[in-house]
Amino acid sequence: MHSVKTKWVDKMAFDSQIDNHTVRIDTNGLIGDDSGPSPKKLLLSSLAGCTGMDVVSLLKKMRVSVSGFEMDIEADLTEEHPKIYSEIRLVYRFYGTGLNKEKVEKAVRLSQEKYCGVSAMLRKNSPLNYSIEYVEKSVTV
């Protein structure tokens, strides 16, 4: 079982206690102070963290070395309430020289199709599309 304790701080700010970590959630504009990410953007960050951890773990098991790895996520919101993501686009970007693209693509596919629970939950409500980019760069030791 997972549990999170969340407490209202002020205006639209909330502090969520997640294990030994406190995460501030807020909004900007007239009703918030922008003291933390919005709930929906935090959800996208959770998606990146979930699939990213899968990919890094799988690449280590496959003995694939990369000099860098990052993800960009964009999502479109519907106009009507409740405003939900109508589409989520995820770009995986890998840095390195002579990357084994076949293994990288397998790691990403396994994360998206088998391991990442956040992807699976979001996909039930929104199309989730992904692509992979490679940037040739020397591995720094």
C-alpha atoms as a PDB file:
ATOM      1  CA  MET A   1       0.000   0.000   0.000  1.00  0.00           C
ATOM      2  CA  HIS A   2       1.171   3.534  -0.765  1.00  0.00           C
ATOM      3  CA  SER A   3       0.111   6.450   1.396  1.00  0.00           C
ATOM      4  CA  VAL A   4       0.707  10.188   1.293  1.00  0.00           C
ATOM      5  CA  LYS A   5      -0.294  12.787   3.862  1.00  0.00           C
ATOM      6  CA  THR A   6      -1.151  16.198   2.448  1.00  0.00           C
ATOM      7  CA  LYS A   7      -1.760  19.383   4.421  1.00  0.00           C
ATOM      8  CA  TRP A   8      -3.110  22.740   3.251  1.00  0.00           C
ATOM      9  CA  VAL A   9      -0.528  25.507   3.822  1.00  0.00           C
ATOM     10  CA  ASP A  10      -1.999  28.754   2.470  1.00  0.00           C
ATOM     11  CA  LYS A  11      -4.019  30.032  -0.504  1.00  0.00           C
ATOM     12  CA  MET A  12      -3.656  27.111  -2.967  1.00  0.00           C
ATOM     13  CA  ALA A  13      -0.436  25.631  -1.548  1.00  0.00           C
ATOM     14  CA  PHE A  14      -0.316  22.121  -0.086  1.00  0.00           C
ATOM     15  CA  ASP A  15       2.578  20.148   1.371  1.00  0.00           C
ATOM     16  CA  SER A  16       2.550  16.417   0.700  1.00  0.00           C
ATOM     17  CA  GLN A  17       4.567  14.216   2.993  1.00  0.00           C
ATOM     18  CA  ILE A  18       5.858  11.316   0.902  1.00  0.00           C
ATOM     19  CA  ASP A  19       7.963   8.998   3.040  1.00  0.00           C
ATOM     20  CA  ASN A  20      10.754  11.283   4.345  1.00  0.00           C
ATOM     21  CA  HIS A  21      10.208  13.938   1.667  1.00  0.00           C
ATOM     22  CA  THR A  22       7.995  17.000   1.555  1.00  0.00           C
ATOM     23  CA  VAL A  23       6.706  18.131  -1.821  1.00  0.00           C
ATOM     24  CA  ARG A  24       5.027  21.533  -2.203  1.00  0.00           C
ATOM     25  CA  ILE A  25       2.131  21.679  -4.642  1.00  0.00           C
ATOM     26  CA  ASP A  26       0.760  25.061  -5.711  1.00  0.00           C
ATOM     27  CA  THR A  27      -0.477  27.042  -8.674  1.00  0.00           C
ATOM     28  CA  ASN A  28       0.361  30.400 -10.153  1.00  0.00           C
ATOM     29  CA  GLY A  29      -1.768  33.370 -11.093  1.00  0.00           C
ATOM     30  CA  LEU A  30      -4.127  35.275  -8.851  1.00  0.00           C
ATOM     31  CA  ILE A  31      -5.031  32.362  -6.596  1.00  0.00           C
ATOM     32  CA  GLY A  32      -1.611  30.841  -5.874  1.00  0.00           C
ATOM     33  CA  ASP A  33       1.949  31.904  -5.127  1.00  0.00           C
ATOM     34  CA  ASP A  34       3.747  29.538  -7.532  1.00  0.00           C
ATOM     35  CA  SER A  35       5.640  28.031  -4.579  1.00  0.00           C
ATOM     36  CA  GLY A  36       5.586  24.560  -6.130  1.00  0.00           C
ATOM     37  CA  PRO A  37       4.567  22.696  -9.270  1.00  0.00           C
ATOM     38  CA  SER A  38       0.923  22.246 -10.188  1.00  0.00           C
ATOM     39  CA  PRO A  39      -0.675  18.843  -9.579  1.00  0.00           C
ATOM     40  CA  LYS A  40      -0.949  18.025 -13.293  1.00  0.00           C
ATOM     41  CA  LYS A  41       2.667  18.981 -14.042  1.00  0.00           C
ATOM     42  CA  LEU A  42       3.758  16.928 -11.030  1.00  0.00           C
ATOM     43  CA  LEU A  43       1.921  13.993 -12.609  1.00  0.00           C
ATOM     44  CA  LEU A  44       4.025  14.421 -15.768  1.00  0.00           C
ATOM     45  CA  SER A  45       7.160  14.509 -13.621  1.00  0.00           C
ATOM     46  CA  SER A  46       6.041  11.249 -12.004  1.00  0.00           C
ATOM     47  CA  LEU A  47       5.683   9.749 -15.470  1.00  0.00           C
ATOM     48  CA  ALA A  48       9.254  10.788 -16.340  1.00  0.00           C
ATOM     49  CA  GLY A  49      10.619   9.436 -13.066  1.00  0.00           C
ATOM     50  CA  CYS A  50       8.816   6.106 -13.410  1.00  0.00           C
ATOM     51  CA  THR A  51       9.795   5.340 -16.980  1.00  0.00           C
ATOM     52  CA  GLY A  52      13.262   6.862 -16.532  1.00  0.00           C
ATOM     53  CA  MET A  53      14.052   4.555 -13.606  1.00  0.00           C
ATOM     54  CA  ASP A  54      12.876   1.572 -15.656  1.00  0.00           C
ATOM     55  CA  VAL A  55      15.029   2.528 -18.631  1.00  0.00           C
ATOM     56  CA  VAL A  56      18.168   3.167 -16.567  1.00  0.00           C
ATOM     57  CA  SER A  57      17.725  -0.141 -14.726  1.00  0.00           C
ATOM     58  CA  LEU A  58      17.138  -2.079 -17.935  1.00  0.00           C
ATOM     59  CA  LEU A  59      20.104  -0.478 -19.714  1.00  0.00           C
ATOM     60  CA  LYS A  60      22.361  -1.421 -16.793  1.00  0.00           C
ATOM     61  CA  LYS A  61      21.146  -5.025 -16.970  1.00  0.00           C
ATOM     62  CA  MET A  62      21.757  -4.995 -20.740  1.00  0.00           C
ATOM     63  CA  ARG A  63      25.225  -3.493 -20.145  1.00  0.00           C
ATOM     64  CA  VAL A  64      24.471  -0.475 -22.307  1.00  0.00           C
ATOM     65  CA  SER A  65      26.427   2.620 -21.370  1.00  0.00           C
ATOM     66  CA  VAL A  66      25.113   6.104 -22.134  1.00  0.00           C
ATOM     67  CA  SER A  67      26.822   9.384 -21.280  1.00  0.00           C
ATOM     68  CA  GLY A  68      23.498  11.130 -20.725  1.00  0.00           C
ATOM     69  CA  PHE A  69      19.761  10.546 -20.696  1.00  0.00           C
ATOM     70  CA  GLU A  70      16.895  13.018 -20.490  1.00  0.00           C
ATOM     71  CA  MET A  71      13.204  13.190 -21.262  1.00  0.00           C
ATOM     72  CA  ASP A  72      10.898  15.954 -22.445  1.00  0.00           C
ATOM     73  CA  ILE A  73       7.164  15.638 -21.898  1.00  0.00           C
ATOM     74  CA  GLU A  74       4.422  17.768 -23.415  1.00  0.00           C
ATOM     75  CA  ALA A  75       0.716  17.303 -22.807  1.00  0.00           C
ATOM     76  CA  ASP A  76      -2.389  18.993 -24.167  1.00  0.00           C
ATOM     77  CA  LEU A  77      -5.248  19.885 -21.818  1.00  0.00           C
ATOM     78  CA  THR A  78      -8.894  19.719 -22.781  1.00  0.00           C
ATOM     79  CA  GLU A  79     -10.862  22.986 -22.670  1.00  0.00           C
ATOM     80  CA  GLU A  80     -13.793  21.644 -20.643  1.00  0.00           C
ATOM     81  CA  HIS A  81     -13.829  20.693 -16.978  1.00  0.00           C
ATOM     82  CA  PRO A  82     -12.508  18.501 -15.606  1.00  0.00           C
ATOM     83  CA  LYS A  83      -9.470  19.515 -17.644  1.00  0.00           C
ATOM     84  CA  ILE A  84      -7.576  16.356 -18.470  1.00  0.00           C
ATOM     85  CA  TYR A  85      -4.720  15.508 -20.796  1.00  0.00           C
ATOM     86  CA  SER A  86      -6.047  14.810 -24.279  1.00  0.00           C
ATOM     87  CA  GLU A  87      -2.609  13.650 -25.436  1.00  0.00           C
ATOM     88  CA  ILE A  88       0.795  13.126 -23.817  1.00  0.00           C
ATOM     89  CA  ARG A  89       4.016  13.144 -25.850  1.00  0.00           C
ATOM     90  CA  LEU A  90       7.260  11.852 -24.375  1.00  0.00           C
ATOM     91  CA  VAL A  91      10.678  12.230 -25.986  1.00  0.00           C
ATOM     92  CA  TYR A  92      13.507  10.061 -24.678  1.00  0.00           C
ATOM     93  CA  ARG A  93      16.940  11.540 -25.509  1.00  0.00           C
ATOM     94  CA  PHE A  94      20.095   9.473 -25.169  1.00  0.00           C
ATOM     95  CA  TYR A  95      23.650  10.808 -25.396  1.00  0.00           C
ATOM     96  CA  GLY A  96      26.689   8.744 -26.256  1.00  0.00           C
ATOM     97  CA  THR A  97      28.919   7.415 -29.000  1.00  0.00           C
ATOM     98  CA  GLY A  98      28.110   4.159 -30.753  1.00  0.00           C
ATOM     99  CA  LEU A  99      24.931   3.604 -28.748  1.00  0.00           C
ATOM    100  CA  ASN A 100      23.290   0.207 -29.155  1.00  0.00           C
ATOM    101  CA  LYS A 101      20.009   1.556 -30.522  1.00  0.00           C
ATOM    102  CA  GLU A 102      18.371  -1.860 -30.598  1.00  0.00           C
ATOM    103  CA  LYS A 103      18.886  -2.336 -26.843  1.00  0.00           C
ATOM    104  CA  VAL A 104      17.935   1.263 -26.038  1.00  0.00           C
ATOM    105  CA  GLU A 105      14.691   0.866 -27.969  1.00  0.00           C
ATOM    106  CA  LYS A 106      13.995  -2.439 -26.231  1.00  0.00           C
ATOM    107  CA  ALA A 107      14.486  -0.826 -22.808  1.00  0.00           C
ATOM    108  CA  VAL A 108      12.106   2.020 -23.664  1.00  0.00           C
ATOM    109  CA  ARG A 109       9.525  -0.366 -25.134  1.00  0.00           C
ATOM    110  CA  LEU A 110       9.662  -2.636 -22.066  1.00  0.00           C
ATOM    111  CA  SER A 111       9.182   0.349 -19.785  1.00  0.00           C
ATOM    112  CA  GLN A 112       6.198   1.612 -21.765  1.00  0.00           C
ATOM    113  CA  GLU A 113       4.549  -1.744 -22.408  1.00  0.00           C
ATOM    114  CA  LYS A 114       5.370  -3.753 -19.292  1.00  0.00           C
ATOM    115  CA  TYR A 115       6.962  -2.011 -16.309  1.00  0.00           C
ATOM    116  CA  CYS A 116       5.971   1.649 -15.871  1.00  0.00           C
ATOM    117  CA  GLY A 117       2.782   1.756 -13.817  1.00  0.00           C
ATOM    118  CA  VAL A 118       2.402   5.517 -14.241  1.00  0.00           C
ATOM    119  CA  SER A 119       2.443   5.127 -18.040  1.00  0.00           C
ATOM    120  CA  ALA A 120      -0.137   2.348 -17.792  1.00  0.00           C
ATOM    121  CA  MET A 121      -2.446   4.425 -15.584  1.00  0.00           C
ATOM    122  CA  LEU A 122      -2.193   7.539 -17.748  1.00  0.00           C
ATOM    123  CA  ARG A 123      -2.627   5.572 -20.981  1.00  0.00           C
ATOM    124  CA  LYS A 124      -6.049   4.390 -19.756  1.00  0.00           C
ATOM    125  CA  ASN A 125      -7.283   7.986 -20.063  1.00  0.00           C
ATOM    126  CA  SER A 126      -4.998   9.732 -22.563  1.00  0.00           C
ATOM    127  CA  PRO A 127      -3.081   8.712 -25.663  1.00  0.00           C
ATOM    128  CA  LEU A 128       0.583   8.474 -24.670  1.00  0.00           C
ATOM    129  CA  ASN A 129       3.011   8.639 -27.578  1.00  0.00           C
ATOM    130  CA  TYR A 130       6.763   8.454 -27.347  1.00  0.00           C
ATOM    131  CA  SER A 131       9.795   8.873 -29.548  1.00  0.00           C
ATOM    132  CA  ILE A 132      13.522   8.317 -29.100  1.00  0.00           C
ATOM    133  CA  GLU A 133      16.317  10.698 -30.084  1.00  0.00           C
ATOM    134  CA  TYR A 134      20.041   9.996 -30.138  1.00  0.00           C
ATOM    135  CA  VAL A 135      22.775  12.578 -29.721  1.00  0.00           C
ATOM    136  CA  GLU A 136      26.257  11.378 -30.656  1.00  0.00           C
ATOM    137  CA  LYS A 137      28.617  12.465 -27.911  1.00  0.00           C
ATOM    138  CA  SER A 138      31.828  11.085 -26.510  1.00  0.00           C
ATOM    139  CA  VAL A 139      31.491   9.195 -23.254  1.00  0.00           C
ATOM    140  CA  THR A 140      33.232  11.159 -20.504  1.00  0.00           C
ATOM    141  CA  VAL A 141      35.002   9.084 -17.859  1.00  0.00           C
END
